[in-house]
Protein backbone atom coordinates (compact mmCIF):
# COMPACT_ATOMS: atom_id res chain seq x y z
CA UNK A 1 -4.64 20.84 -10.28
CA UNK A 2 -5.85 18.48 -12.60
CA UNK A 3 -8.98 17.08 -12.25
CA UNK A 4 -9.86 14.26 -10.24
CA UNK A 5 -11.66 11.68 -12.48
CA UNK A 6 -13.42 8.33 -10.78
CA UNK A 7 -13.56 7.10 -14.30
CA UNK A 8 -10.53 6.58 -14.83
CA UNK A 9 -9.63 4.30 -12.22
CA UNK A 10 -9.69 0.40 -11.88
CA UNK A 11 -9.85 -2.55 -9.55
CA UNK A 12 -6.40 -2.24 -9.34
CA UNK A 13 -5.58 1.74 -8.54
CA UNK A 14 -8.82 1.21 -6.27
CA UNK A 15 -7.33 -1.61 -4.10
CA UNK A 16 -3.58 0.04 -4.48
CA UNK A 17 -5.52 3.85 -2.44
CA UNK A 18 -6.91 1.49 -0.03
CA UNK A 19 -4.33 -1.40 1.02
CA UNK A 20 -1.75 2.09 1.21
CA UNK A 21 -4.06 4.13 2.85
CA UNK A 22 -4.70 1.29 5.60
CA UNK A 23 -1.14 0.64 5.61
CA UNK A 24 -0.26 3.51 6.58
CA UNK A 25 -3.07 3.91 9.26
CA UNK A 26 -1.50 0.28 10.68
CA UNK A 27 1.95 1.78 10.67
CA UNK A 28 0.71 4.24 13.45
CA UNK A 29 -2.48 2.94 15.37
CA UNK A 30 -2.81 -1.03 16.15
CA UNK A 31 0.26 -3.00 18.12
CA UNK A 32 2.56 -4.51 16.01
CA UNK A 33 4.78 -6.34 18.96
CA UNK A 34 4.68 -6.72 22.95
CA UNK A 35 5.08 -8.11 26.01
CA UNK A 36 3.98 -11.51 26.61
CA UNK A 37 1.54 -12.53 29.29
CA UNK A 38 4.33 -13.04 31.61
CA UNK A 39 5.28 -10.08 31.75
CA UNK A 40 2.93 -7.46 30.38
CA UNK A 41 1.47 -7.36 34.14
CA UNK A 42 4.21 -6.68 35.82
CA UNK A 43 5.58 -3.66 33.58
CA UNK A 44 2.14 -2.54 33.07
CA UNK A 45 2.23 -2.23 36.53
CA UNK A 46 4.88 0.19 36.58
CA UNK A 47 4.30 2.19 33.87
CA UNK A 48 6.14 1.11 31.22
CA UNK A 49 4.23 0.31 27.41
CA UNK A 50 3.44 -3.19 26.65
CA UNK A 51 2.58 -3.18 23.30
CA UNK A 52 4.78 -0.93 20.36
CA UNK A 53 3.78 0.36 17.19
CA UNK A 54 4.98 -0.57 14.03
CA UNK A 55 6.28 3.04 14.15
CA UNK A 56 8.27 2.24 17.21
CA UNK A 57 9.41 -1.16 17.23
CA UNK A 58 10.50 -1.14 13.68
CA UNK A 59 13.10 1.63 13.51
CA UNK A 60 15.07 0.71 9.99
CA UNK A 61 11.83 -1.55 8.37
CA UNK A 62 9.05 1.60 9.22
CA UNK A 63 10.49 4.01 6.51
CA UNK A 64 10.41 1.73 4.27
CA UNK A 65 6.65 0.73 5.31
CA UNK A 66 5.59 4.48 5.16
CA UNK A 67 6.97 5.27 1.60
CA UNK A 68 5.26 1.96 0.25
CA UNK A 69 1.78 3.27 1.78
CA UNK A 70 2.96 6.67 0.43
CA UNK A 71 3.01 4.90 -3.12
CA UNK A 72 -0.33 2.99 -3.09
CA UNK A 73 -1.87 5.94 -2.21
CA UNK A 74 -0.33 8.43 -4.75
CA UNK A 75 -0.61 5.87 -8.24
CA UNK A 76 -4.15 6.18 -6.89
CA UNK A 77 -4.18 9.94 -6.92
CA UNK A 78 -2.26 10.02 -10.62
CA UNK A 79 -4.08 7.62 -11.86
CA UNK A 80 -7.33 9.37 -11.08
CA UNK A 81 -5.57 13.07 -12.05
CA UNK A 82 -3.83 12.24 -15.24
CA UNK A 83 -5.09 10.75 -18.90
CA UNK A 84 -2.17 9.53 -19.62
CA UNK A 85 -0.80 6.40 -18.09
CA UNK A 86 2.88 7.32 -17.59
CA UNK A 87 3.01 8.49 -14.02
CA UNK A 88 0.41 6.30 -12.76
CA UNK A 89 2.80 3.50 -14.83
CA UNK A 90 6.37 4.55 -13.24
CA UNK A 91 4.55 5.01 -9.80
CA UNK A 92 3.26 1.63 -10.12
CA UNK A 93 6.30 -0.09 -10.83
CA UNK A 94 7.83 1.26 -8.01
CA UNK A 95 5.19 0.23 -5.37
CA UNK A 96 4.97 -3.33 -7.02
CA UNK A 97 8.36 -3.64 -6.25
CA UNK A 98 8.60 -1.22 -2.87
CA UNK A 99 5.81 -3.64 -1.73
CA UNK A 100 7.48 -7.05 -2.46
CA UNK A 101 10.46 -5.58 -0.44
CA UNK A 102 8.60 -5.35 1.86
CA UNK A 103 6.81 -7.90 2.40
CA UNK A 104 10.33 -10.21 2.51
CA UNK A 105 11.70 -8.06 5.05
CA UNK A 106 7.99 -8.15 7.19
CA UNK A 107 8.00 -12.34 7.01
CA UNK A 108 11.68 -12.10 7.97
CA UNK A 109 10.65 -9.75 11.10
CA UNK A 110 6.99 -10.98 12.38
CA UNK A 111 6.71 -14.43 11.00
CA UNK A 112 10.85 -15.85 11.85
CA UNK A 113 12.76 -13.52 13.64
CA UNK A 114 10.65 -11.78 15.81
CA UNK A 115 12.48 -9.05 18.47
CA UNK A 116 13.76 -10.37 21.17
CA UNK A 117 14.20 -9.37 24.57
CA UNK A 118 15.99 -10.91 27.23
CA UNK A 119 14.21 -10.20 30.84
CA UNK A 120 16.35 -9.10 33.54
CA UNK A 121 17.24 -11.53 36.30
CA UNK A 122 14.64 -14.93 34.50
CA UNK A 123 17.15 -15.70 31.77
CA UNK A 124 14.20 -15.38 29.84
CA UNK A 125 14.35 -14.44 26.20
CA UNK A 126 11.66 -13.69 22.90
CA UNK A 127 9.56 -12.04 25.91
CA UNK A 128 8.41 -10.00 22.84
CA UNK A 129 6.22 -11.40 20.17
CA UNK A 130 4.08 -9.96 17.37
CA UNK A 131 -0.01 -8.67 17.57
CA UNK A 132 -2.27 -8.81 15.65
CA UNK A 133 -1.25 -5.00 13.58
CA UNK A 134 2.01 -7.37 12.40
CA UNK A 135 -0.47 -9.56 10.59
CA UNK A 136 -2.31 -6.88 9.13
CA UNK A 137 0.35 -5.52 8.50
CA UNK A 138 2.16 -8.59 5.79
CA UNK A 139 -1.69 -9.00 4.83
CA UNK A 140 -1.94 -5.79 3.71
CA UNK A 141 1.76 -5.28 1.73
CA UNK A 142 0.64 -8.39 -0.08
CA UNK A 143 -2.73 -6.84 -1.19
CA UNK A 144 -0.49 -4.11 -1.68
CA UNK A 145 2.17 -5.60 -4.07
CA UNK A 146 -0.66 -7.48 -6.25
CA UNK A 147 -2.95 -4.59 -6.63
CA UNK A 148 0.24 -3.08 -8.08
CA UNK A 149 0.74 -5.89 -10.14
CA UNK A 150 -3.33 -5.89 -11.21
CA UNK A 151 -2.79 -1.82 -12.38
CA UNK A 152 0.31 -2.86 -14.16
CA UNK A 153 -1.36 -5.61 -15.51
CA UNK A 154 -4.40 -3.35 -17.04
CA UNK A 155 -2.53 0.02 -17.47
CA UNK A 156 -3.83 2.02 -20.58
CA UNK A 157 -5.81 4.63 -21.02
CA UNK A 158 -8.83 4.54 -19.98
CA UNK A 159 -12.33 4.84 -22.14
CA UNK A 160 -13.65 8.39 -20.79
CA UNK A 161 -10.20 10.14 -22.07
CA UNK A 162 -9.12 7.77 -25.76
CA UNK A 163 -9.36 9.29 -28.41
CA UNK A 164 -12.66 10.67 -29.43
CA UNK A 165 -14.16 9.30 -33.06
CA UNK A 166 -12.87 11.17 -36.54
CA UNK A 167 -15.80 13.58 -37.06
CA UNK A 168 -17.43 12.82 -40.77
CA UNK A 169 -18.71 15.20 -42.86
CA UNK A 170 -22.16 13.19 -44.83
CA UNK A 171 -22.50 14.22 -48.35
CA UNK A 172 -25.39 13.39 -50.22
CA UNK A 173 -25.81 11.74 -54.08
CA UNK A 174 -27.65 15.37 -55.46
CA UNK A 175 -25.15 17.66 -53.37
CA UNK A 176 -22.09 15.74 -54.58
CA UNK A 177 -23.59 15.15 -58.15
CA UNK A 178 -24.49 18.97 -58.76
CA UNK A 179 -21.03 20.33 -58.62
């Protein structure tokens, strides 16, 4: 087991780890979508769910959110446990690319084309609307992409792991002259 050293972590890795963990929590905990105020009380009285998490409301995008969050946490962990920057940089590149793709997917799903349901009997369309969890996930994805980019811009060997100075042997003039 590699030893974890906080001194190896820079701002980019801290942000990447925190944003990745928060994105994982955000995928399951807060509501992403829910019925609007017109239909919510009626559906709730019938015992139906009126708000949906990201995991239950995004059948395809949920795996992209899950992998992006895991890559953020993995990048944080690898930077803290590895002396060389090779693995953390590889994970940061994957995290950056996936976070950008996820950001575009979430913009489309949350802002441009939210899920639509036709209400039976009323002819109403678009009775499902984005909730605060979807906007939080959008912001966290943006932060995750920026943190991965910052991590890539400052990659390298940490000063605590850098090469040690070469040990010099100092000879006095008298000792050198007596030979």
